[in-house]
Protein backbone atom coordinates (compact mmCIF):
# COMPACT_ATOMS: atom_id res chain seq x y z
CA MET A 1 145.26 21.94 311.63
CA ASN A 2 146.25 18.72 309.89
CA PRO A 3 143.10 16.67 309.01
CA GLU A 4 144.76 13.51 310.36
CA PHE A 5 145.30 15.28 313.69
CA ASN A 6 141.68 16.50 313.66
CA GLU A 7 140.34 12.94 313.44
CA THR A 8 142.46 11.75 316.36
CA PHE A 9 142.10 14.64 318.82
CA LYS A 10 139.14 16.83 319.74
CA PRO A 11 138.87 20.29 321.37
CA GLY A 12 139.33 19.92 325.12
CA ASP A 13 141.79 17.02 324.90
CA ILE A 14 144.95 17.47 326.98
CA LEU A 15 147.93 16.45 324.87
CA LYS A 16 151.53 15.59 325.67
CA PHE A 17 154.11 16.29 322.98
CA ARG A 18 157.61 14.84 322.62
CA GLY A 19 159.99 16.08 319.95
CA ALA A 20 157.85 19.12 319.14
CA TYR A 21 158.88 22.69 318.48
CA THR A 22 157.23 26.04 317.83
CA SER A 23 157.97 28.53 315.09
CA ILE A 24 156.53 31.67 313.57
CA TYR A 25 154.93 31.03 310.16
CA GLN A 26 153.19 33.80 308.23
CA GLY A 27 152.95 35.85 311.41
CA GLY A 28 151.30 33.09 313.49
CA LEU A 29 152.55 30.64 316.09
CA THR A 30 152.91 27.10 314.70
CA LEU A 31 153.47 23.87 316.62
CA SER A 32 155.26 21.10 314.71
CA VAL A 33 156.11 17.54 315.70
CA GLY A 34 159.36 16.15 314.31
CA LYS A 35 159.68 12.81 312.50
CA SER A 36 160.61 10.94 315.67
CA GLY A 37 158.28 13.00 317.87
CA GLU A 38 154.93 11.98 319.23
CA CYS A 39 151.68 13.42 320.49
CA LYS A 40 149.36 11.52 322.76
CA LYS A 41 146.20 12.28 324.67
CA VAL A 42 146.76 12.28 328.44
CA GLY A 43 143.38 13.59 329.60
CA GLU A 44 140.40 15.81 328.94
CA PHE A 45 139.82 19.36 330.07
CA MET A 46 136.94 19.29 332.56
CA MET A 47 136.20 23.02 332.89
CA VAL A 48 134.49 25.40 330.50
CA PHE A 49 136.92 26.76 327.93
CA SER A 50 136.81 28.85 324.79
CA GLU A 51 138.65 28.18 321.55
CA THR A 52 138.62 31.89 320.80
CA PRO A 53 140.67 33.93 320.54
CA ASP A 54 142.99 31.65 318.56
CA ILE A 55 146.40 32.65 319.95
CA SER A 56 148.07 31.26 316.83
CA MET A 57 146.37 33.95 314.78
CA MET A 58 147.00 36.86 317.16
CA PRO A 59 149.55 39.44 315.99
CA LEU A 60 152.80 39.23 317.90
CA PRO A 61 153.86 42.22 320.00
CA ALA A 62 156.43 44.36 318.18
CA GLY A 63 159.07 43.65 320.84
CA VAL A 64 158.94 39.92 320.19
CA MET A 65 159.76 40.29 316.52
CA ASP A 66 162.49 42.85 317.23
CA ARG A 67 164.25 40.61 319.74
CA ARG A 68 164.09 37.62 317.42
CA ASN A 69 165.66 39.61 314.58
CA GLU A 70 168.41 40.94 316.86
CA ARG A 71 169.37 37.44 317.96
CA MET A 72 169.57 36.21 314.39
CA GLN A 73 171.84 39.09 313.35
CA SER A 74 174.08 38.97 316.41
CA PRO A 75 177.77 38.44 315.55
CA ALA A 76 178.29 36.79 318.96
CA GLY A 77 176.39 33.64 318.02
CA ARG A 78 173.04 32.16 317.25
CA TYR A 79 171.76 31.94 320.82
CA SER A 80 173.17 35.14 322.24
CA ARG A 81 170.94 37.66 323.97
CA PRO A 82 170.56 41.14 322.54
CA SER A 83 172.54 43.79 324.38
CA ASN A 84 170.54 46.44 326.26
């Protein structure tokens, strides 16, 4: 996590993102906020929670990677669904 982000937000904070997107980086899920995007605290989680397991570090199911690769290689277009 970005150190700047760490100083502003703490575990248990409920955040609202605008202009954010997710991607797969080195096999993990990554959340990025664009240049014009924003992230603000809108509350605090009041129940017991656990930071583990870190879902960003979990291996993706094989089917997820396969579907993503099929979409990228599809001659029908970037956002087409794979045929069954």
